């Protein structure tokens, strides 16, 4: 595991840490010496997106955008 970077240093050196991650390094962010997060390079998609791949596999109900009164009342405190 990489040497942890404390949160304060991570905030002040964010651009440098992102550059390190872009270069393939895993940057561990710590609070009080305990690892809490990892900054890793984003992996590109293995294959390009194909629009319509879910066509025919998903059904949207006719009333999907109608909210029942009891639910509106619950949110509004009624």
PDB file of N, CA and C in Angstrom:
ATOM      1  N   UNK A   1       0.850  -1.183   0.000  1.00  0.00           N
ATOM      2  CA  UNK A   1       0.000   0.000   0.000  1.00  0.00           C
ATOM      3  C   UNK A   1       0.889   1.237   0.000  1.00  0.00           C
ATOM      4  N   UNK A   2       0.454   2.265  -0.674  1.00  0.00           N
ATOM      5  CA  UNK A   2       1.211   3.511  -0.781  1.00  0.00           C
ATOM      6  C   UNK A   2       1.248   4.233   0.564  1.00  0.00           C
ATOM      7  N   UNK A   3       2.237   5.089   0.723  1.00  0.00           N
ATOM      8  CA  UNK A   3       2.345   5.921   1.924  1.00  0.00           C
ATOM      9  C   UNK A   3       1.140   6.861   1.983  1.00  0.00           C
ATOM     10  N   UNK A   4       0.399   6.853   3.091  1.00  0.00           N
ATOM     11  CA  UNK A   4      -0.801   7.698   3.175  1.00  0.00           C
ATOM     12  C   UNK A   4      -0.474   9.189   3.155  1.00  0.00           C
ATOM     13  N   UNK A   5      -1.405   9.966   2.601  1.00  0.00           N
ATOM     14  CA  UNK A   5      -1.321  11.423   2.574  1.00  0.00           C
ATOM     15  C   UNK A   5      -2.442  11.914   3.483  1.00  0.00           C
ATOM     16  N   UNK A   6      -2.116  12.790   4.443  1.00  0.00           N
ATOM     17  CA  UNK A   6      -3.185  13.236   5.333  1.00  0.00           C
ATOM     18  C   UNK A   6      -4.125  14.191   4.591  1.00  0.00           C
ATOM     19  N   UNK A   7      -5.320  14.331   5.127  1.00  0.00           N
ATOM     20  CA  UNK A   7      -6.366  15.093   4.447  1.00  0.00           C
ATOM     21  C   UNK A   7      -5.942  16.538   4.179  1.00  0.00           C
ATOM     22  N   UNK A   8      -5.308  17.170   5.139  1.00  0.00           N
ATOM     23  CA  UNK A   8      -4.878  18.560   4.945  1.00  0.00           C
ATOM     24  C   UNK A   8      -3.917  18.655   3.758  1.00  0.00           C
ATOM     25  N   UNK A   9      -2.919  17.771   3.711  1.00  0.00           N
ATOM     26  CA  UNK A   9      -1.978  17.784   2.583  1.00  0.00           C
ATOM     27  C   UNK A   9      -2.686  17.456   1.269  1.00  0.00           C
ATOM     28  N   UNK A  10      -3.657  16.554   1.321  1.00  0.00           N
ATOM     29  CA  UNK A  10      -4.394  16.195   0.114  1.00  0.00           C
ATOM     30  C   UNK A  10      -5.150  17.399  -0.439  1.00  0.00           C
ATOM     31  N   UNK A  11      -5.718  18.225   0.455  1.00  0.00           N
ATOM     32  CA  UNK A  11      -6.440  19.414  -0.001  1.00  0.00           C
ATOM     33  C   UNK A  11      -5.488  20.420  -0.633  1.00  0.00           C
ATOM     34  N   UNK A  12      -4.312  20.581  -0.055  1.00  0.00           N
ATOM     35  CA  UNK A  12      -3.389  21.599  -0.575  1.00  0.00           C
ATOM     36  C   UNK A  12      -2.611  21.113  -1.793  1.00  0.00           C
ATOM     37  N   UNK A  13      -2.524  19.789  -1.989  1.00  0.00           N
ATOM     38  CA  UNK A  13      -1.747  19.245  -3.101  1.00  0.00           C
ATOM     39  C   UNK A  13      -2.618  18.424  -4.049  1.00  0.00           C
ATOM     40  N   UNK A  14      -3.883  18.753  -4.111  1.00  0.00           N
ATOM     41  CA  UNK A  14      -4.815  17.938  -4.879  1.00  0.00           C
ATOM     42  C   UNK A  14      -4.386  17.741  -6.333  1.00  0.00           C
ATOM     43  N   UNK A  15      -3.984  18.802  -7.005  1.00  0.00           N
ATOM     44  CA  UNK A  15      -3.593  18.681  -8.416  1.00  0.00           C
ATOM     45  C   UNK A  15      -2.430  17.712  -8.587  1.00  0.00           C
ATOM     46  N   UNK A  16      -1.442  17.787  -7.696  1.00  0.00           N
ATOM     47  CA  UNK A  16      -0.302  16.865  -7.775  1.00  0.00           C
ATOM     48  C   UNK A  16      -0.726  15.418  -7.524  1.00  0.00           C
ATOM     49  N   UNK A  17      -1.640  15.237  -6.574  1.00  0.00           N
ATOM     50  CA  UNK A  17      -2.106  13.884  -6.276  1.00  0.00           C
ATOM     51  C   UNK A  17      -2.888  13.309  -7.453  1.00  0.00           C
ATOM     52  N   UNK A  18      -3.690  14.138  -8.105  1.00  0.00           N
ATOM     53  CA  UNK A  18      -4.427  13.680  -9.284  1.00  0.00           C
ATOM     54  C   UNK A  18      -3.446  13.295 -10.386  1.00  0.00           C
ATOM     55  N   UNK A  19      -2.397  14.073 -10.565  1.00  0.00           N
ATOM     56  CA  UNK A  19      -1.387  13.749 -11.580  1.00  0.00           C
ATOM     57  C   UNK A  19      -0.725  12.411 -11.259  1.00  0.00           C
ATOM     58  N   UNK A  20      -0.454  12.160  -9.985  1.00  0.00           N
ATOM     59  CA  UNK A  20       0.136  10.877  -9.597  1.00  0.00           C
ATOM     60  C   UNK A  20      -0.822   9.726  -9.908  1.00  0.00           C
ATOM     61  N   UNK A  21      -2.107   9.935  -9.632  1.00  0.00           N
ATOM     62  CA  UNK A  21      -3.100   8.905  -9.935  1.00  0.00           C
ATOM     63  C   UNK A  21      -3.198   8.679 -11.434  1.00  0.00           C
ATOM     64  N   UNK A  22      -3.177   9.770 -12.209  1.00  0.00           N
ATOM     65  CA  UNK A  22      -3.217   9.645 -13.679  1.00  0.00           C
ATOM     66  C   UNK A  22      -2.049   8.819 -14.183  1.00  0.00           C
ATOM     67  N   UNK A  23      -0.916   8.931 -13.501  1.00  0.00           N
ATOM     68  CA  UNK A  23       0.284   8.192 -13.907  1.00  0.00           C
ATOM     69  C   UNK A  23       0.223   6.724 -13.476  1.00  0.00           C
ATOM     70  N   UNK A  24      -0.865   6.332 -12.794  1.00  0.00           N
ATOM     71  CA  UNK A  24      -1.044   4.938 -12.429  1.00  0.00           C
ATOM     72  C   UNK A  24      -0.819   4.629 -10.962  1.00  0.00           C
ATOM     73  N   UNK A  25      -0.463   5.629 -10.191  1.00  0.00           N
ATOM     74  CA  UNK A  25      -0.202   5.408  -8.768  1.00  0.00           C
ATOM     75  C   UNK A  25      -1.497   5.446  -7.972  1.00  0.00           C
ATOM     76  N   UNK A  26      -1.586   4.626  -6.938  1.00  0.00           N
ATOM     77  CA  UNK A  26      -2.713   4.675  -6.016  1.00  0.00           C
ATOM     78  C   UNK A  26      -2.315   5.579  -4.861  1.00  0.00           C
ATOM     79  N   UNK A  27      -3.102   6.612  -4.597  1.00  0.00           N
ATOM     80  CA  UNK A  27      -2.823   7.556  -3.521  1.00  0.00           C
ATOM     81  C   UNK A  27      -3.817   7.280  -2.402  1.00  0.00           C
ATOM     82  N   UNK A  28      -3.298   6.995  -1.212  1.00  0.00           N
ATOM     83  CA  UNK A  28      -4.141   6.703  -0.061  1.00  0.00           C
ATOM     84  C   UNK A  28      -4.269   7.975   0.775  1.00  0.00           C
ATOM     85  N   UNK A  29      -5.502   8.340   1.102  1.00  0.00           N
ATOM     86  CA  UNK A  29      -5.771   9.527   1.913  1.00  0.00           C
ATOM     87  C   UNK A  29      -6.142   9.044   3.313  1.00  0.00           C
ATOM     88  N   UNK A  30      -5.524   9.677   4.321  1.00  0.00           N
ATOM     89  CA  UNK A  30      -5.736   9.231   5.698  1.00  0.00           C
ATOM     90  C   UNK A  30      -6.206  10.368   6.591  1.00  0.00           C
ATOM     91  N   UNK A  31      -6.937   9.985   7.634  1.00  0.00           N
ATOM     92  CA  UNK A  31      -7.341  10.916   8.691  1.00  0.00           C
ATOM     93  C   UNK A  31      -6.780  10.346   9.980  1.00  0.00           C
ATOM     94  N   UNK A  32      -5.979  11.148  10.667  1.00  0.00           N
ATOM     95  CA  UNK A  32      -5.339  10.719  11.918  1.00  0.00           C
ATOM     96  C   UNK A  32      -4.552   9.429  11.717  1.00  0.00           C
ATOM     97  N   UNK A  33      -3.914   9.312  10.551  1.00  0.00           N
ATOM     98  CA  UNK A  33      -3.080   8.143  10.272  1.00  0.00           C
ATOM     99  C   UNK A  33      -3.827   6.914   9.803  1.00  0.00           C
ATOM    100  N   UNK A  34      -5.156   6.962   9.773  1.00  0.00           N
ATOM    101  CA  UNK A  34      -5.969   5.821   9.340  1.00  0.00           C
ATOM    102  C   UNK A  34      -6.457   6.034   7.913  1.00  0.00           C
ATOM    103  N   UNK A  35      -6.169   5.114   7.008  1.00  0.00           N
ATOM    104  CA  UNK A  35      -6.635   5.258   5.619  1.00  0.00           C
ATOM    105  C   UNK A  35      -8.156   5.358   5.559  1.00  0.00           C
ATOM    106  N   UNK A  36      -8.651   6.348   4.804  1.00  0.00           N
ATOM    107  CA  UNK A  36     -10.099   6.528   4.659  1.00  0.00           C
ATOM    108  C   UNK A  36     -10.558   6.555   3.201  1.00  0.00           C
ATOM    109  N   UNK A  37      -9.621   6.778   2.266  1.00  0.00           N
ATOM    110  CA  UNK A  37     -10.010   6.859   0.854  1.00  0.00           C
ATOM    111  C   UNK A  37      -8.807   6.545  -0.032  1.00  0.00           C
ATOM    112  N   UNK A  38      -9.111   6.178  -1.291  1.00  0.00           N
ATOM    113  CA  UNK A  38      -8.056   5.932  -2.281  1.00  0.00           C
ATOM    114  C   UNK A  38      -8.347   6.771  -3.507  1.00  0.00           C
ATOM    115  N   UNK A  39      -7.305   7.354  -4.048  1.00  0.00           N
ATOM    116  CA  UNK A  39      -7.402   8.096  -5.304  1.00  0.00           C
ATOM    117  C   UNK A  39      -6.683   7.224  -6.334  1.00  0.00           C
ATOM    118  N   UNK A  40      -7.425   6.731  -7.308  1.00  0.00           N
ATOM    119  CA  UNK A  40      -6.875   5.813  -8.308  1.00  0.00           C
ATOM    120  C   UNK A  40      -7.185   6.329  -9.704  1.00  0.00           C
ATOM    121  N   UNK A  41      -6.427   5.902 -10.701  1.00  0.00           N
ATOM    122  CA  UNK A  41      -6.733   6.350 -12.060  1.00  0.00           C
ATOM    123  C   UNK A  41      -8.078   5.787 -12.521  1.00  0.00           C
ATOM    124  N   UNK A  42      -8.810   6.597 -13.252  1.00  0.00           N
ATOM    125  CA  UNK A  42     -10.073   6.138 -13.815  1.00  0.00           C
ATOM    126  C   UNK A  42      -9.756   5.180 -14.952  1.00  0.00           C
ATOM    127  N   UNK A  43     -10.468   4.079 -14.982  1.00  0.00           N
ATOM    128  CA  UNK A  43     -10.221   3.126 -16.064  1.00  0.00           C
ATOM    129  C   UNK A  43     -11.178   3.418 -17.218  1.00  0.00           C
ATOM    130  N   UNK A  44     -10.664   3.428 -18.422  1.00  0.00           N
ATOM    131  CA  UNK A  44     -11.547   3.680 -19.576  1.00  0.00           C
ATOM    132  C   UNK A  44     -12.500   2.508 -19.777  1.00  0.00           C
ATOM    133  N   UNK A  45     -13.598   2.771 -20.413  1.00  0.00           N
ATOM    134  CA  UNK A  45     -14.554   1.693 -20.709  1.00  0.00           C
ATOM    135  C   UNK A  45     -13.877   0.642 -21.573  1.00  0.00           C
ATOM    136  N   UNK A  46     -14.210  -0.603 -21.305  1.00  0.00           N
ATOM    137  CA  UNK A  46     -13.623  -1.680 -22.086  1.00  0.00           C
ATOM    138  C   UNK A  46     -14.235  -1.754 -23.489  1.00  0.00           C
ATOM    139  N   UNK A  47     -15.466  -1.284 -23.609  1.00  0.00           N
ATOM    140  CA  UNK A  47     -16.103  -1.252 -24.926  1.00  0.00           C
ATOM    141  C   UNK A  47     -16.959   0.010 -25.019  1.00  0.00           C
ATOM    142  N   UNK A  48     -17.165   0.527 -26.201  1.00  0.00           N
ATOM    143  CA  UNK A  48     -17.953   1.754 -26.336  1.00  0.00           C
ATOM    144  C   UNK A  48     -19.421   1.526 -25.968  1.00  0.00           C
ATOM    145  N   UNK A  49     -20.082   2.601 -25.540  1.00  0.00           N
ATOM    146  CA  UNK A  49     -21.498   2.520 -25.214  1.00  0.00           C
ATOM    147  C   UNK A  49     -22.302   2.225 -26.468  1.00  0.00           C
ATOM    148  N   UNK A  50     -23.357   1.438 -26.305  1.00  0.00           N
ATOM    149  CA  UNK A  50     -24.250   1.127 -27.411  1.00  0.00           C
ATOM    150  C   UNK A  50     -25.657   1.567 -27.047  1.00  0.00           C
ATOM    151  N   UNK A  51     -26.121   2.692 -27.580  1.00  0.00           N
ATOM    152  CA  UNK A  51     -27.475   3.148 -27.268  1.00  0.00           C
ATOM    153  C   UNK A  51     -28.515   2.096 -27.639  1.00  0.00           C
ATOM    154  N   UNK A  52     -29.521   1.971 -26.795  1.00  0.00           N
ATOM    155  CA  UNK A  52     -30.620   1.046 -27.081  1.00  0.00           C
ATOM    156  C   UNK A  52     -30.390  -0.371 -26.607  1.00  0.00           C
ATOM    157  N   UNK A  53     -29.327  -0.622 -25.864  1.00  0.00           N
ATOM    158  CA  UNK A  53     -29.021  -1.990 -25.447  1.00  0.00           C
ATOM    159  C   UNK A  53     -30.111  -2.574 -24.541  1.00  0.00           C
ATOM    160  N   UNK A  54     -30.869  -1.712 -23.821  1.00  0.00           N
ATOM    161  CA  UNK A  54     -31.932  -2.184 -22.936  1.00  0.00           C
ATOM    162  C   UNK A  54     -33.301  -2.195 -23.618  1.00  0.00           C
ATOM    163  N   UNK A  55     -33.360  -1.873 -24.909  1.00  0.00           N
ATOM    164  CA  UNK A  55     -34.642  -1.831 -25.615  1.00  0.00           C
ATOM    165  C   UNK A  55     -35.344  -3.194 -25.519  1.00  0.00           C
ATOM    166  N   UNK A  56     -36.624  -3.154 -25.114  1.00  0.00           N
ATOM    167  CA  UNK A  56     -37.407  -4.375 -24.993  1.00  0.00           C
ATOM    168  C   UNK A  56     -37.186  -5.103 -23.671  1.00  0.00           C
ATOM    169  N   UNK A  57     -36.272  -4.619 -22.838  1.00  0.00           N
ATOM    170  CA  UNK A  57     -35.976  -5.288 -21.572  1.00  0.00           C
ATOM    171  C   UNK A  57     -36.532  -4.539 -20.368  1.00  0.00           C
ATOM    172  N   UNK A  58     -36.985  -3.312 -20.596  1.00  0.00           N
ATOM    173  CA  UNK A  58     -37.500  -2.486 -19.507  1.00  0.00           C
ATOM    174  C   UNK A  58     -38.896  -2.012 -19.881  1.00  0.00           C
ATOM    175  N   UNK A  59     -39.808  -2.073 -18.910  1.00  0.00           N
ATOM    176  CA  UNK A  59     -41.162  -1.589 -19.136  1.00  0.00           C
ATOM    177  C   UNK A  59     -41.426  -0.460 -18.151  1.00  0.00           C
ATOM    178  N   UNK A  60     -41.899   0.647 -18.656  1.00  0.00           N
ATOM    179  CA  UNK A  60     -42.239   1.790 -17.816  1.00  0.00           C
ATOM    180  C   UNK A  60     -43.762   1.879 -17.759  1.00  0.00           C
ATOM    181  N   UNK A  61     -44.297   1.856 -16.564  1.00  0.00           N
ATOM    182  CA  UNK A  61     -45.745   1.889 -16.373  1.00  0.00           C
ATOM    183  C   UNK A  61     -46.312   3.208 -16.872  1.00  0.00           C
ATOM    184  N   UNK A  62     -47.541   3.176 -17.308  1.00  0.00           N
ATOM    185  CA  UNK A  62     -48.214   4.376 -17.818  1.00  0.00           C
ATOM    186  C   UNK A  62     -48.279   5.473 -16.754  1.00  0.00           C
ATOM    187  N   UNK A  63     -48.404   5.081 -15.486  1.00  0.00           N
ATOM    188  CA  UNK A  63     -48.563   6.065 -14.414  1.00  0.00           C
ATOM    189  C   UNK A  63     -47.258   6.305 -13.641  1.00  0.00           C
ATOM    190  N   UNK A  64     -46.121   6.067 -14.257  1.00  0.00           N
ATOM    191  CA  UNK A  64     -44.847   6.168 -13.545  1.00  0.00           C
ATOM    192  C   UNK A  64     -44.577   7.553 -12.965  1.00  0.00           C
ATOM    193  N   UNK A  65     -45.154   8.583 -13.541  1.00  0.00           N
ATOM    194  CA  UNK A  65     -44.898   9.943 -13.067  1.00  0.00           C
ATOM    195  C   UNK A  65     -46.043  10.518 -12.231  1.00  0.00           C
ATOM    196  N   UNK A  66     -46.979   9.676 -11.843  1.00  0.00           N
ATOM    197  CA  UNK A  66     -48.091  10.119 -11.000  1.00  0.00           C
ATOM    198  C   UNK A  66     -47.767   9.760  -9.551  1.00  0.00           C
ATOM    199  N   UNK A  67     -47.799  10.771  -8.686  1.00  0.00           N
ATOM    200  CA  UNK A  67     -47.480  10.546  -7.279  1.00  0.00           C
ATOM    201  C   UNK A  67     -48.765  10.453  -6.472  1.00  0.00           C
ATOM    202  N   UNK A  68     -48.913   9.381  -5.686  1.00  0.00           N
ATOM    203  CA  UNK A  68     -50.136   9.244  -4.878  1.00  0.00           C
ATOM    204  C   UNK A  68     -50.219  10.349  -3.821  1.00  0.00           C
ATOM    205  N   UNK A  69     -51.454  10.778  -3.520  1.00  0.00           N
ATOM    206  CA  UNK A  69     -51.673  11.847  -2.549  1.00  0.00           C
ATOM    207  C   UNK A  69     -51.083  11.509  -1.184  1.00  0.00           C
ATOM    208  N   UNK A  70     -51.188  10.238  -0.754  1.00  0.00           N
ATOM    209  CA  UNK A  70     -50.676   9.863   0.565  1.00  0.00           C
ATOM    210  C   UNK A  70     -49.164  10.084   0.653  1.00  0.00           C
ATOM    211  N   UNK A  71     -48.457   9.915  -0.459  1.00  0.00           N
ATOM    212  CA  UNK A  71     -47.010  10.110  -0.458  1.00  0.00           C
ATOM    213  C   UNK A  71     -46.678  11.601  -0.428  1.00  0.00           C
ATOM    214  N   UNK A  72     -47.423  12.382  -1.182  1.00  0.00           N
ATOM    215  CA  UNK A  72     -47.212  13.837  -1.156  1.00  0.00           C
ATOM    216  C   UNK A  72     -47.449  14.365   0.251  1.00  0.00           C
ATOM    217  N   UNK A  73     -48.547  13.896   0.889  1.00  0.00           N
ATOM    218  CA  UNK A  73     -48.870  14.302   2.265  1.00  0.00           C
ATOM    219  C   UNK A  73     -47.746  13.917   3.228  1.00  0.00           C
ATOM    220  N   UNK A  74     -47.170  12.747   3.044  1.00  0.00           N
ATOM    221  CA  UNK A  74     -46.101  12.282   3.931  1.00  0.00           C
ATOM    222  C   UNK A  74     -44.892  13.205   3.831  1.00  0.00           C
ATOM    223  N   UNK A  75     -44.563  13.648   2.638  1.00  0.00           N
ATOM    224  CA  UNK A  75     -43.414  14.541   2.460  1.00  0.00           C
ATOM    225  C   UNK A  75     -43.702  15.955   2.935  1.00  0.00           C
ATOM    226  N   UNK A  76     -44.933  16.373   2.792  1.00  0.00           N
ATOM    227  CA  UNK A  76     -45.299  17.736   3.162  1.00  0.00           C
ATOM    228  C   UNK A  76     -45.796  17.853   4.594  1.00  0.00           C
ATOM    229  N   UNK A  77     -45.795  16.749   5.323  1.00  0.00           N
ATOM    230  CA  UNK A  77     -46.210  16.768   6.724  1.00  0.00           C
ATOM    231  C   UNK A  77     -47.696  16.810   6.924  1.00  0.00           C
ATOM    232  N   UNK A  78     -48.439  16.339   5.943  1.00  0.00           N
ATOM    233  CA  UNK A  78     -49.902  16.395   6.030  1.00  0.00           C
ATOM    234  C   UNK A  78     -50.519  15.245   6.762  1.00  0.00           C
TER     235      UNK A  78
END
